[in-house]
Amino acid sequence: MYFAKKGAEEPVTIIEDTTVYACESEACNGWMRKDFSTEDLACPMCGSQMTEEVRELPQIKMDYNPFSK
C-alpha cells in the first residue's frame, strides 16, 4: 500500500536584505545578524572589530522568543 499526503507543499524560503555585522579581519569570515549582535561589536570568533553590511539572507521567523518574559 502507498499512502501519500495530498497537497503537501514545501515551505517557500523568503530572501530579504538583512543588516549584518562582518569581521574586519582578513583571516576571519565571522558575521552575525544585527538582531543577534552584541553591544561591543567585537567578533565572537577572533575579537576584531566588525563593520555593518547588507546581505541577502533567508528570513527568520521571530514569532516565539523563549527568553522574553
Protein backbone atom coordinates (compact mmCIF):
# COMPACT_ATOMS: atom_id res chain seq x y z
CA MET A 1 0.00 0.00 0.00
CA TYR A 2 1.06 3.58 -0.64
CA PHE A 3 -0.11 6.49 1.48
CA ALA A 4 0.85 9.99 0.44
CA LYS A 5 0.00 13.37 1.81
CA LYS A 6 -2.07 15.12 -0.79
CA GLY A 7 -1.39 18.79 -1.28
CA ALA A 8 1.72 18.87 0.89
CA GLU A 9 3.83 21.76 -0.32
CA GLU A 10 7.33 22.68 0.69
CA PRO A 11 7.61 26.00 2.53
CA VAL A 12 8.82 28.88 0.39
CA THR A 13 12.09 30.44 1.53
CA ILE A 14 11.79 34.22 1.60
CA ILE A 15 15.05 36.02 0.85
CA GLU A 16 15.37 39.58 2.17
CA ASP A 17 18.03 42.26 2.58
CA THR A 18 19.36 41.88 6.12
CA THR A 19 21.75 44.13 8.04
CA VAL A 20 24.70 42.15 9.39
CA TYR A 21 28.00 42.88 11.10
CA ALA A 22 31.03 41.28 9.39
CA CYS A 23 34.51 40.85 10.86
CA GLU A 24 37.17 43.24 9.51
CA SER A 25 39.98 40.68 9.84
CA GLU A 26 41.14 39.08 6.58
CA ALA A 27 41.81 35.74 8.33
CA CYS A 28 38.29 35.52 9.85
CA ASN A 29 34.99 35.15 8.00
CA GLY A 30 32.74 35.66 11.04
CA TRP A 31 29.49 37.62 10.82
CA MET A 32 26.22 37.96 12.71
CA ARG A 33 22.80 39.46 12.10
CA LYS A 34 22.17 42.88 13.62
CA ASP A 35 19.22 41.45 15.59
CA PHE A 36 21.54 38.98 17.35
CA SER A 37 24.65 41.15 17.75
CA THR A 38 26.38 42.09 21.00
CA GLU A 39 26.70 45.65 22.27
CA ASP A 40 30.50 45.87 21.98
CA LEU A 41 30.50 44.79 18.27
CA ALA A 42 33.55 42.56 18.70
CA CYS A 43 33.85 39.41 16.61
CA PRO A 44 32.97 36.40 18.78
CA MET A 45 35.46 34.24 16.86
CA CYS A 46 38.61 36.39 16.84
CA GLY A 47 37.83 39.57 18.84
CA SER A 48 38.38 42.05 15.97
CA GLN A 49 36.07 44.96 15.22
CA MET A 50 33.07 44.43 12.94
CA THR A 51 31.59 46.60 10.18
CA GLU A 52 27.96 46.91 9.10
CA GLU A 53 26.93 45.33 5.77
CA VAL A 54 23.73 44.36 3.97
CA ARG A 55 23.35 40.77 2.72
CA GLU A 56 20.55 38.79 1.12
CA LEU A 57 19.63 36.11 3.69
CA PRO A 58 16.63 33.88 4.40
CA GLN A 59 14.00 35.45 6.63
CA ILE A 60 13.91 34.24 10.24
CA LYS A 61 10.53 33.95 11.95
CA MET A 62 10.59 35.79 15.26
CA ASP A 63 7.16 34.62 16.46
CA TYR A 64 8.38 32.87 19.60
CA ASN A 65 11.10 34.05 21.94
CA PRO A 66 11.70 31.70 24.89
CA PHE A 67 13.90 34.28 26.63
CA SER A 68 11.33 37.08 26.84
CA LYS A 69 9.23 37.41 29.96
